[in-house]
């Protein structure tokens, strides 16, 4: 929030007027200042929506703004309705409301494990009460534990849950800038599963320095110095 209500309001104004254009309460994910119309893809990005709702809830609480709380609640309810879904006994977070289910693609459902923002999920549960949120958090961690691809036993950015877990078709089989967030979100969410974190830290490091990893070969692609 940066302790700046004025700056927050300016960002929220842009979000309301330029991104919240869908009829389901979620934001469009792709906005390009260099073309008109600026919106070039009207699908949502579920992690972005969750971060918007989370920020609104924090701001509403910090600055006693009920309008922010109400907006956060509407978005949390939309997330629950459109992107939280059970499949094969697990509660999943679909990366977008369109394009990721078994009906949408032959290797579906497809998920991105870095979209689980663990610190925000309890706030979503307060905004849009449902037992599904706790299941979502627990199942997200359980899925991360089973995603052990390639020589380094790391999760992929995009994962197919059709049959045996594997990197999804149409995406590079890599542990990269999306997947790096999973470690951050686990820590910020207070999820200190020692075995999981040790495996992730070991797999994502090259000589002790974090790197993006080609999951097929196990070789680093970019060392993040």
C-alpha atoms as a PDB file:
ATOM      1  CA  UNK A   1       0.000   0.000   0.000  1.00  0.00           C
ATOM      2  CA  UNK A   2       3.049   2.274   0.531  1.00  0.00           C
ATOM      3  CA  UNK A   3       1.064   4.302   3.094  1.00  0.00           C
ATOM      4  CA  UNK A   4      -0.249   6.449   0.254  1.00  0.00           C
ATOM      5  CA  UNK A   5      -4.041   6.504  -0.103  1.00  0.00           C
ATOM      6  CA  UNK A   6      -3.848   9.000  -2.968  1.00  0.00           C
ATOM      7  CA  UNK A   7      -1.540   6.813  -5.043  1.00  0.00           C
ATOM      8  CA  UNK A   8      -3.629   3.748  -4.269  1.00  0.00           C
ATOM      9  CA  UNK A   9      -6.798   5.520  -5.379  1.00  0.00           C
ATOM     10  CA  UNK A  10      -5.155   6.531  -8.652  1.00  0.00           C
ATOM     11  CA  UNK A  11      -4.157   2.931  -9.368  1.00  0.00           C
ATOM     12  CA  UNK A  12      -7.633   1.726  -8.401  1.00  0.00           C
ATOM     13  CA  UNK A  13      -9.221   4.297 -10.730  1.00  0.00           C
ATOM     14  CA  UNK A  14      -7.160   2.955 -13.638  1.00  0.00           C
ATOM     15  CA  UNK A  15      -8.068  -0.613 -12.695  1.00  0.00           C
ATOM     16  CA  UNK A  16     -11.788   0.201 -12.526  1.00  0.00           C
ATOM     17  CA  UNK A  17     -11.929   2.124 -15.770  1.00  0.00           C
ATOM     18  CA  UNK A  18      -9.433   0.219 -17.944  1.00  0.00           C
ATOM     19  CA  UNK A  19      -9.358  -3.375 -16.659  1.00  0.00           C
ATOM     20  CA  UNK A  20     -12.659  -4.170 -14.942  1.00  0.00           C
ATOM     21  CA  UNK A  21     -14.505  -4.380 -18.248  1.00  0.00           C
ATOM     22  CA  UNK A  22     -15.780  -7.959 -18.064  1.00  0.00           C
ATOM     23  CA  UNK A  23     -19.314  -8.737 -16.945  1.00  0.00           C
ATOM     24  CA  UNK A  24     -18.271 -11.303 -14.316  1.00  0.00           C
ATOM     25  CA  UNK A  25     -16.376  -9.050 -11.898  1.00  0.00           C
ATOM     26  CA  UNK A  26     -12.884 -10.100 -13.000  1.00  0.00           C
ATOM     27  CA  UNK A  27     -10.287  -7.944 -14.747  1.00  0.00           C
ATOM     28  CA  UNK A  28      -9.015  -8.296 -18.296  1.00  0.00           C
ATOM     29  CA  UNK A  29      -5.394  -9.344 -18.194  1.00  0.00           C
ATOM     30  CA  UNK A  30      -3.757  -7.758 -21.229  1.00  0.00           C
ATOM     31  CA  UNK A  31      -3.653  -3.985 -21.730  1.00  0.00           C
ATOM     32  CA  UNK A  32      -1.297  -2.449 -24.288  1.00  0.00           C
ATOM     33  CA  UNK A  33      -0.706   1.320 -24.230  1.00  0.00           C
ATOM     34  CA  UNK A  34       0.623   1.236 -27.792  1.00  0.00           C
ATOM     35  CA  UNK A  35      -2.534   0.014 -29.524  1.00  0.00           C
ATOM     36  CA  UNK A  36      -6.197   0.978 -29.599  1.00  0.00           C
ATOM     37  CA  UNK A  37      -8.314  -0.421 -28.198  1.00  0.00           C
ATOM     38  CA  UNK A  38      -5.829  -0.973 -25.392  1.00  0.00           C
ATOM     39  CA  UNK A  39      -7.294  -4.307 -24.282  1.00  0.00           C
ATOM     40  CA  UNK A  40      -5.821  -7.039 -26.488  1.00  0.00           C
ATOM     41  CA  UNK A  41      -7.039 -10.100 -24.552  1.00  0.00           C
ATOM     42  CA  UNK A  42     -10.227 -10.089 -22.494  1.00  0.00           C
ATOM     43  CA  UNK A  43      -9.506 -13.267 -20.536  1.00  0.00           C
ATOM     44  CA  UNK A  44      -8.645 -12.748 -16.880  1.00  0.00           C
ATOM     45  CA  UNK A  45      -5.446 -13.637 -15.029  1.00  0.00           C
ATOM     46  CA  UNK A  46      -6.509 -15.245 -11.776  1.00  0.00           C
ATOM     47  CA  UNK A  47      -3.389 -14.353  -9.815  1.00  0.00           C
ATOM     48  CA  UNK A  48      -3.790 -10.720 -10.816  1.00  0.00           C
ATOM     49  CA  UNK A  49      -7.422 -10.714  -9.728  1.00  0.00           C
ATOM     50  CA  UNK A  50      -6.504 -12.241  -6.387  1.00  0.00           C
ATOM     51  CA  UNK A  51      -3.811  -9.624  -5.838  1.00  0.00           C
ATOM     52  CA  UNK A  52      -6.270  -6.844  -6.694  1.00  0.00           C
ATOM     53  CA  UNK A  53      -8.823  -8.197  -4.221  1.00  0.00           C
ATOM     54  CA  UNK A  54      -6.129  -8.693  -1.589  1.00  0.00           C
ATOM     55  CA  UNK A  55      -4.824  -5.137  -2.002  1.00  0.00           C
ATOM     56  CA  UNK A  56      -8.338  -3.712  -1.809  1.00  0.00           C
ATOM     57  CA  UNK A  57      -9.040  -5.648   1.375  1.00  0.00           C
ATOM     58  CA  UNK A  58      -5.819  -4.459   2.995  1.00  0.00           C
ATOM     59  CA  UNK A  59      -6.449  -0.866   1.937  1.00  0.00           C
ATOM     60  CA  UNK A  60     -10.056  -0.958   3.068  1.00  0.00           C
ATOM     61  CA  UNK A  61      -9.021  -2.204   6.488  1.00  0.00           C
ATOM     62  CA  UNK A  62      -6.085   0.184   6.860  1.00  0.00           C
ATOM     63  CA  UNK A  63      -7.934   3.301   5.746  1.00  0.00           C
ATOM     64  CA  UNK A  64     -11.490   2.480   6.814  1.00  0.00           C
ATOM     65  CA  UNK A  65     -12.765   2.406   3.242  1.00  0.00           C
ATOM     66  CA  UNK A  66     -15.870   0.242   3.047  1.00  0.00           C
ATOM     67  CA  UNK A  67     -16.038   0.764  -0.713  1.00  0.00           C
ATOM     68  CA  UNK A  68     -12.701  -0.987  -1.077  1.00  0.00           C
ATOM     69  CA  UNK A  69     -13.892  -3.871   1.100  1.00  0.00           C
ATOM     70  CA  UNK A  70     -17.060  -4.241  -0.976  1.00  0.00           C
ATOM     71  CA  UNK A  71     -15.081  -4.215  -4.220  1.00  0.00           C
ATOM     72  CA  UNK A  72     -12.694  -6.819  -2.805  1.00  0.00           C
ATOM     73  CA  UNK A  73     -15.626  -8.989  -1.766  1.00  0.00           C
ATOM     74  CA  UNK A  74     -17.189  -8.826  -5.227  1.00  0.00           C
ATOM     75  CA  UNK A  75     -13.927  -9.868  -6.838  1.00  0.00           C
ATOM     76  CA  UNK A  76     -13.362 -12.698  -4.343  1.00  0.00           C
ATOM     77  CA  UNK A  77     -16.868 -13.980  -5.054  1.00  0.00           C
ATOM     78  CA  UNK A  78     -16.166 -13.851  -8.793  1.00  0.00           C
ATOM     79  CA  UNK A  79     -12.903 -15.747  -8.309  1.00  0.00           C
ATOM     80  CA  UNK A  80     -14.709 -18.414  -6.327  1.00  0.00           C
ATOM     81  CA  UNK A  81     -17.413 -18.757  -8.959  1.00  0.00           C
ATOM     82  CA  UNK A  82     -15.237 -18.642 -12.075  1.00  0.00           C
ATOM     83  CA  UNK A  83     -11.759 -19.929 -11.225  1.00  0.00           C
ATOM     84  CA  UNK A  84     -11.922 -22.201  -8.157  1.00  0.00           C
ATOM     85  CA  UNK A  85     -12.952 -25.639  -9.366  1.00  0.00           C
ATOM     86  CA  UNK A  86     -12.799 -29.228  -8.203  1.00  0.00           C
ATOM     87  CA  UNK A  87     -11.269 -31.810 -10.516  1.00  0.00           C
ATOM     88  CA  UNK A  88     -10.417 -35.430  -9.720  1.00  0.00           C
ATOM     89  CA  UNK A  89     -10.952 -34.783  -6.028  1.00  0.00           C
ATOM     90  CA  UNK A  90      -8.668 -31.735  -5.849  1.00  0.00           C
ATOM     91  CA  UNK A  91      -9.541 -28.070  -5.548  1.00  0.00           C
ATOM     92  CA  UNK A  92      -7.835 -26.166  -8.345  1.00  0.00           C
ATOM     93  CA  UNK A  93      -7.201 -22.541  -9.185  1.00  0.00           C
ATOM     94  CA  UNK A  94      -7.706 -22.122 -12.919  1.00  0.00           C
ATOM     95  CA  UNK A  95      -5.273 -19.559 -14.377  1.00  0.00           C
ATOM     96  CA  UNK A  96      -8.138 -17.910 -16.237  1.00  0.00           C
ATOM     97  CA  UNK A  97     -11.862 -18.368 -16.555  1.00  0.00           C
ATOM     98  CA  UNK A  98     -11.415 -19.543 -20.148  1.00  0.00           C
ATOM     99  CA  UNK A  99      -9.025 -21.920 -21.837  1.00  0.00           C
ATOM    100  CA  UNK A 100      -7.690 -24.166 -19.085  1.00  0.00           C
ATOM    101  CA  UNK A 101     -10.277 -26.855 -18.320  1.00  0.00           C
ATOM    102  CA  UNK A 102     -10.495 -30.376 -19.715  1.00  0.00           C
ATOM    103  CA  UNK A 103     -13.261 -29.102 -21.986  1.00  0.00           C
ATOM    104  CA  UNK A 104     -10.983 -26.351 -23.312  1.00  0.00           C
ATOM    105  CA  UNK A 105      -7.851 -28.371 -24.146  1.00  0.00           C
ATOM    106  CA  UNK A 106      -6.934 -32.017 -24.530  1.00  0.00           C
ATOM    107  CA  UNK A 107      -4.336 -31.929 -21.736  1.00  0.00           C
ATOM    108  CA  UNK A 108      -6.616 -29.981 -19.395  1.00  0.00           C
ATOM    109  CA  UNK A 109      -7.079 -29.051 -16.737  1.00  0.00           C
ATOM    110  CA  UNK A 110      -3.902 -26.973 -16.824  1.00  0.00           C
ATOM    111  CA  UNK A 111      -2.727 -24.962 -13.843  1.00  0.00           C
ATOM    112  CA  UNK A 112       0.097 -22.612 -12.942  1.00  0.00           C
ATOM    113  CA  UNK A 113       1.209 -23.435  -9.380  1.00  0.00           C
ATOM    114  CA  UNK A 114       2.606 -19.938  -8.868  1.00  0.00           C
ATOM    115  CA  UNK A 115      -0.939 -18.529  -9.041  1.00  0.00           C
ATOM    116  CA  UNK A 116      -1.609 -19.850  -5.512  1.00  0.00           C
ATOM    117  CA  UNK A 117      -1.026 -16.717  -3.404  1.00  0.00           C
ATOM    118  CA  UNK A 118      -1.144 -18.400  -0.020  1.00  0.00           C
ATOM    119  CA  UNK A 119      -1.118 -15.265   2.124  1.00  0.00           C
ATOM    120  CA  UNK A 120      -4.143 -13.934   0.235  1.00  0.00           C
ATOM    121  CA  UNK A 121      -6.280 -17.070   0.313  1.00  0.00           C
ATOM    122  CA  UNK A 122      -7.447 -16.653   3.956  1.00  0.00           C
ATOM    123  CA  UNK A 123      -8.443 -13.085   3.094  1.00  0.00           C
ATOM    124  CA  UNK A 124     -10.447 -14.384   0.125  1.00  0.00           C
ATOM    125  CA  UNK A 125     -12.168 -16.780   2.533  1.00  0.00           C
ATOM    126  CA  UNK A 126     -13.152 -13.870   4.764  1.00  0.00           C
ATOM    127  CA  UNK A 127     -14.448 -11.889   1.789  1.00  0.00           C
ATOM    128  CA  UNK A 128     -16.333 -14.767   0.134  1.00  0.00           C
ATOM    129  CA  UNK A 129     -16.840 -17.440   2.805  1.00  0.00           C
ATOM    130  CA  UNK A 130     -16.478 -21.014   1.570  1.00  0.00           C
ATOM    131  CA  UNK A 131     -14.682 -24.154   2.688  1.00  0.00           C
ATOM    132  CA  UNK A 132     -13.265 -24.314  -0.833  1.00  0.00           C
ATOM    133  CA  UNK A 133     -10.572 -21.766  -0.006  1.00  0.00           C
ATOM    134  CA  UNK A 134      -8.949 -23.914   2.692  1.00  0.00           C
ATOM    135  CA  UNK A 135      -9.110 -26.910   0.372  1.00  0.00           C
ATOM    136  CA  UNK A 136      -7.553 -24.799  -2.365  1.00  0.00           C
ATOM    137  CA  UNK A 137      -4.616 -23.852  -0.155  1.00  0.00           C
ATOM    138  CA  UNK A 138      -4.046 -27.388   1.104  1.00  0.00           C
ATOM    139  CA  UNK A 139      -4.335 -28.916  -2.354  1.00  0.00           C
ATOM    140  CA  UNK A 140      -1.978 -26.329  -3.821  1.00  0.00           C
ATOM    141  CA  UNK A 141       0.758 -27.400  -1.422  1.00  0.00           C
ATOM    142  CA  UNK A 142      -0.024 -31.069  -2.044  1.00  0.00           C
ATOM    143  CA  UNK A 143       0.280 -30.550  -5.796  1.00  0.00           C
ATOM    144  CA  UNK A 144       3.615 -28.766  -5.400  1.00  0.00           C
ATOM    145  CA  UNK A 145       4.907 -31.747  -3.461  1.00  0.00           C
ATOM    146  CA  UNK A 146       4.051 -34.072  -6.345  1.00  0.00           C
ATOM    147  CA  UNK A 147       5.446 -31.830  -9.111  1.00  0.00           C
ATOM    148  CA  UNK A 148       8.974 -33.185  -9.392  1.00  0.00           C
ATOM    149  CA  UNK A 149       9.895 -32.859 -13.055  1.00  0.00           C
ATOM    150  CA  UNK A 150      13.267 -33.552 -14.620  1.00  0.00           C
ATOM    151  CA  UNK A 151      16.655 -34.125 -12.993  1.00  0.00           C
ATOM    152  CA  UNK A 152      16.148 -31.263 -10.535  1.00  0.00           C
ATOM    153  CA  UNK A 153      12.671 -32.381  -9.424  1.00  0.00           C
ATOM    154  CA  UNK A 154      11.076 -28.954  -9.850  1.00  0.00           C
ATOM    155  CA  UNK A 155       7.536 -27.840 -10.732  1.00  0.00           C
ATOM    156  CA  UNK A 156       6.897 -26.517 -14.221  1.00  0.00           C
ATOM    157  CA  UNK A 157       5.440 -23.106 -14.917  1.00  0.00           C
ATOM    158  CA  UNK A 158       2.379 -24.702 -16.530  1.00  0.00           C
ATOM    159  CA  UNK A 159       1.262 -28.181 -15.519  1.00  0.00           C
ATOM    160  CA  UNK A 160      -1.214 -30.593 -17.081  1.00  0.00           C
ATOM    161  CA  UNK A 161      -3.333 -32.559 -14.623  1.00  0.00           C
ATOM    162  CA  UNK A 162      -4.726 -34.866 -17.302  1.00  0.00           C
ATOM    163  CA  UNK A 163      -3.584 -38.277 -16.139  1.00  0.00           C
ATOM    164  CA  UNK A 164      -0.026 -38.216 -14.825  1.00  0.00           C
ATOM    165  CA  UNK A 165       1.200 -34.725 -13.943  1.00  0.00           C
ATOM    166  CA  UNK A 166       3.478 -33.319 -16.643  1.00  0.00           C
ATOM    167  CA  UNK A 167       4.483 -29.970 -18.151  1.00  0.00           C
ATOM    168  CA  UNK A 168       1.576 -28.652 -20.210  1.00  0.00           C
ATOM    169  CA  UNK A 169       1.615 -28.664 -23.996  1.00  0.00           C
ATOM    170  CA  UNK A 170       2.345 -25.376 -25.724  1.00  0.00           C
ATOM    171  CA  UNK A 171       4.544 -24.016 -22.932  1.00  0.00           C
ATOM    172  CA  UNK A 172       8.278 -24.331 -22.346  1.00  0.00           C
ATOM    173  CA  UNK A 173       9.093 -27.083 -19.854  1.00  0.00           C
ATOM    174  CA  UNK A 174      10.904 -24.814 -17.448  1.00  0.00           C
ATOM    175  CA  UNK A 175      11.117 -23.519 -13.915  1.00  0.00           C
ATOM    176  CA  UNK A 176      11.295 -19.806 -14.602  1.00  0.00           C
ATOM    177  CA  UNK A 177      10.033 -16.426 -13.481  1.00  0.00           C
ATOM    178  CA  UNK A 178       6.491 -17.623 -12.781  1.00  0.00           C
ATOM    179  CA  UNK A 179       7.578 -20.661 -10.809  1.00  0.00           C
ATOM    180  CA  UNK A 180      10.042 -18.682  -8.718  1.00  0.00           C
ATOM    181  CA  UNK A 181       7.060 -16.965  -7.128  1.00  0.00           C
ATOM    182  CA  UNK A 182       5.867 -20.238  -5.609  1.00  0.00           C
ATOM    183  CA  UNK A 183       8.758 -20.192  -3.152  1.00  0.00           C
ATOM    184  CA  UNK A 184       8.020 -16.578  -2.226  1.00  0.00           C
ATOM    185  CA  UNK A 185       4.309 -17.215  -1.773  1.00  0.00           C
ATOM    186  CA  UNK A 186       4.911 -20.285   0.388  1.00  0.00           C
ATOM    187  CA  UNK A 187       7.173 -18.287   2.691  1.00  0.00           C
ATOM    188  CA  UNK A 188       4.920 -15.230   2.819  1.00  0.00           C
ATOM    189  CA  UNK A 189       1.954 -17.502   3.499  1.00  0.00           C
ATOM    190  CA  UNK A 190       3.704 -19.057   6.492  1.00  0.00           C
ATOM    191  CA  UNK A 191       3.901 -22.493   4.869  1.00  0.00           C
ATOM    192  CA  UNK A 192       7.237 -23.850   6.021  1.00  0.00           C
ATOM    193  CA  UNK A 193       7.202 -27.407   4.765  1.00  0.00           C
ATOM    194  CA  UNK A 194      10.877 -28.165   5.305  1.00  0.00           C
ATOM    195  CA  UNK A 195      11.240 -31.007   2.810  1.00  0.00           C
ATOM    196  CA  UNK A 196       9.405 -29.089   0.083  1.00  0.00           C
ATOM    197  CA  UNK A 197      11.360 -25.870   0.587  1.00  0.00           C
ATOM    198  CA  UNK A 198      14.710 -27.671   0.696  1.00  0.00           C
ATOM    199  CA  UNK A 199      13.911 -29.487  -2.553  1.00  0.00           C
ATOM    200  CA  UNK A 200      12.841 -26.268  -4.265  1.00  0.00           C
ATOM    201  CA  UNK A 201      15.862 -24.332  -3.022  1.00  0.00           C
ATOM    202  CA  UNK A 202      18.273 -27.059  -4.090  1.00  0.00           C
ATOM    203  CA  UNK A 203      16.661 -27.527  -7.484  1.00  0.00           C
ATOM    204  CA  UNK A 204      16.427 -23.854  -8.389  1.00  0.00           C
ATOM    205  CA  UNK A 205      19.988 -22.929  -7.438  1.00  0.00           C
ATOM    206  CA  UNK A 206      23.175 -22.927  -9.484  1.00  0.00           C
ATOM    207  CA  UNK A 207      26.194 -22.686  -7.192  1.00  0.00           C
ATOM    208  CA  UNK A 208      23.915 -21.233  -4.530  1.00  0.00           C
ATOM    209  CA  UNK A 209      22.417 -18.574  -6.817  1.00  0.00           C
ATOM    210  CA  UNK A 210      18.774 -18.802  -8.007  1.00  0.00           C
ATOM    211  CA  UNK A 211      18.357 -19.624 -11.678  1.00  0.00           C
ATOM    212  CA  UNK A 212      15.728 -20.441 -14.254  1.00  0.00           C
ATOM    213  CA  UNK A 213      15.957 -24.123 -15.173  1.00  0.00           C
ATOM    214  CA  UNK A 214      15.304 -26.209 -18.277  1.00  0.00           C
ATOM    215  CA  UNK A 215      13.342 -29.072 -16.751  1.00  0.00           C
ATOM    216  CA  UNK A 216      14.209 -31.556 -19.497  1.00  0.00           C
ATOM    217  CA  UNK A 217      17.977 -31.227 -19.193  1.00  0.00           C
ATOM    218  CA  UNK A 218      18.253 -29.816 -15.683  1.00  0.00           C
ATOM    219  CA  UNK A 219      20.572 -27.115 -16.989  1.00  0.00           C
ATOM    220  CA  UNK A 220      20.243 -23.484 -15.878  1.00  0.00           C
ATOM    221  CA  UNK A 221      18.911 -21.097 -18.520  1.00  0.00           C
ATOM    222  CA  UNK A 222      19.494 -17.816 -16.705  1.00  0.00           C
ATOM    223  CA  UNK A 223      21.356 -17.265 -13.444  1.00  0.00           C
ATOM    224  CA  UNK A 224      19.624 -14.551 -11.423  1.00  0.00           C
ATOM    225  CA  UNK A 225      22.610 -12.691 -10.057  1.00  0.00           C
END
